[in-house]
Amino acid sequence: MTDELQSPSLAEKSKNLAKFSWQLINYIHNNHDKVLYVEDELYKERMMTCRSCDKYKEVQNECAECGCYIPAKARIVLDSCPLNKWTVKDDDWEEKFSNMMEDMDSQNPEKPN
């Protein structure tokens, strides 16, 4: 005879998700430089691409296509060029996210029930 495993109630699942979300937001807030930003080499590549584009507004340092301030846009790991001249690096994000989860687990060993 086997015991049927019971899932947490919807309220418990919600509570667990809220707790995880709060931990994730706090982690990103405290570690934004290592989880939200691309490496310096990729940042420089993106900046060079933008500066050589006919949509680049040099004085404002912004893109005429999307209106974004290029130094900020090029630094963000999940951002991309609206003209597809550079894209999100999924492998970079997946690695950063995996590292973030491991780091969060080591800082918060308590797991939801």
Protein backbone atom coordinates (compact mmCIF):
# COMPACT_ATOMS: atom_id res chain seq x y z
CA MET A 1 0.00 0.00 0.00
CA THR A 2 1.42 3.41 -0.97
CA ASP A 3 0.65 6.73 0.63
CA GLU A 4 -0.55 9.38 -1.79
CA LEU A 5 1.59 12.50 -1.57
CA GLN A 6 -0.35 15.67 -0.86
CA SER A 7 0.57 18.90 -2.58
CA PRO A 8 0.57 22.11 -0.58
CA SER A 9 -2.68 24.04 -0.65
CA LEU A 10 -3.09 26.90 -3.10
CA ALA A 11 -2.59 29.32 -0.21
CA GLU A 12 0.71 27.61 0.76
CA LYS A 13 1.87 27.60 -2.86
CA SER A 14 1.10 31.31 -3.06
CA LYS A 15 2.94 31.98 0.18
CA ASN A 16 5.98 30.02 -1.08
CA LEU A 17 5.98 31.89 -4.39
CA ALA A 18 5.68 35.24 -2.63
CA LYS A 19 8.57 34.36 -0.31
CA PHE A 20 10.75 33.27 -3.23
CA SER A 21 9.83 36.40 -5.22
CA TRP A 22 10.74 38.62 -2.29
CA GLN A 23 14.09 36.82 -1.86
CA LEU A 24 14.77 37.13 -5.59
CA ILE A 25 13.98 40.86 -5.65
CA ASN A 26 16.20 41.48 -2.63
CA TYR A 27 19.02 39.39 -4.10
CA ILE A 28 18.90 41.28 -7.40
CA HIS A 29 18.75 44.61 -5.56
CA ASN A 30 21.83 43.72 -3.50
CA ASN A 31 23.75 42.06 -6.36
CA HIS A 32 22.55 43.90 -9.45
CA ASP A 33 26.07 44.48 -10.74
CA LYS A 34 26.77 40.75 -11.07
CA VAL A 35 23.35 39.51 -12.22
CA LEU A 36 21.83 42.22 -14.39
CA TYR A 37 24.86 43.52 -16.27
CA VAL A 38 26.81 41.97 -19.15
CA GLU A 39 30.54 41.43 -18.95
CA ASP A 40 32.73 44.40 -19.95
CA GLU A 41 33.81 42.81 -23.24
CA LEU A 42 30.23 42.29 -24.42
CA TYR A 43 29.30 45.80 -23.25
CA LYS A 44 32.12 47.26 -25.37
CA GLU A 45 30.99 45.21 -28.40
CA ARG A 46 27.43 46.45 -28.01
CA MET A 47 28.59 50.05 -27.64
CA MET A 48 30.75 49.81 -30.77
CA THR A 49 27.83 48.36 -32.71
CA CYS A 50 25.54 51.16 -31.60
CA ARG A 51 28.10 53.89 -32.28
CA SER A 52 28.53 52.62 -35.85
CA CYS A 53 24.76 52.54 -36.49
CA ASP A 54 23.02 55.28 -38.52
CA LYS A 55 20.37 55.51 -35.74
CA TYR A 56 22.94 56.47 -33.11
CA LYS A 57 22.55 60.04 -31.83
CA GLU A 58 26.04 60.90 -30.63
CA VAL A 59 25.33 64.10 -28.70
CA GLN A 60 22.49 62.52 -26.70
CA ASN A 61 24.18 59.11 -26.63
CA GLU A 62 20.85 57.53 -27.52
CA CYS A 63 19.15 55.40 -30.15
CA ALA A 64 16.87 57.21 -32.61
CA GLU A 65 14.96 53.95 -33.17
CA CYS A 66 13.91 53.21 -29.57
CA GLY A 67 14.98 56.38 -27.73
CA CYS A 68 17.06 54.49 -25.15
CA TYR A 69 20.18 55.87 -23.52
CA ILE A 70 22.76 53.57 -25.10
CA PRO A 71 25.27 53.19 -22.22
CA ALA A 72 22.48 51.89 -19.97
CA LYS A 73 20.78 49.76 -22.63
CA ALA A 74 24.03 48.08 -23.72
CA ARG A 75 24.89 47.17 -20.12
CA ILE A 76 21.67 45.25 -19.29
CA VAL A 77 21.88 41.49 -19.80
CA LEU A 78 18.25 41.08 -20.89
CA ASP A 79 18.16 44.01 -23.32
CA SER A 80 18.52 43.92 -27.10
CA CYS A 81 18.80 46.22 -30.10
CA PRO A 82 15.44 47.05 -31.73
CA LEU A 83 17.14 46.56 -35.12
CA ASN A 84 18.54 43.14 -34.10
CA LYS A 85 22.13 44.30 -34.38
CA TRP A 86 22.73 42.68 -30.97
CA THR A 87 20.46 40.45 -28.94
CA VAL A 88 19.97 39.00 -25.51
CA LYS A 89 22.58 36.36 -24.84
CA ASP A 90 20.39 33.53 -23.54
CA ASP A 91 23.40 31.45 -22.49
CA ASP A 92 24.77 34.35 -20.45
CA TRP A 93 21.40 34.89 -18.76
CA GLU A 94 20.88 31.19 -18.06
CA GLU A 95 24.33 30.97 -16.48
CA LYS A 96 23.76 34.13 -14.43
CA PHE A 97 20.34 32.87 -13.32
CA SER A 98 21.73 29.45 -12.37
CA ASN A 99 24.54 31.10 -10.38
CA MET A 100 22.02 33.40 -8.73
CA MET A 101 19.83 30.46 -7.65
CA GLU A 102 22.84 28.62 -6.21
CA ASP A 103 23.96 31.74 -4.38
CA MET A 104 20.46 32.36 -3.02
CA ASP A 105 20.21 28.72 -1.88
CA SER A 106 23.48 29.03 0.01
CA GLN A 107 22.29 32.25 1.68
CA ASN A 108 18.80 30.91 2.46
CA PRO A 109 19.09 27.21 3.22
CA GLU A 110 15.45 27.05 4.38
CA LYS A 111 13.31 25.59 1.58
CA PRO A 112 9.54 26.06 1.32
CA ASN A 113 7.49 23.07 2.41
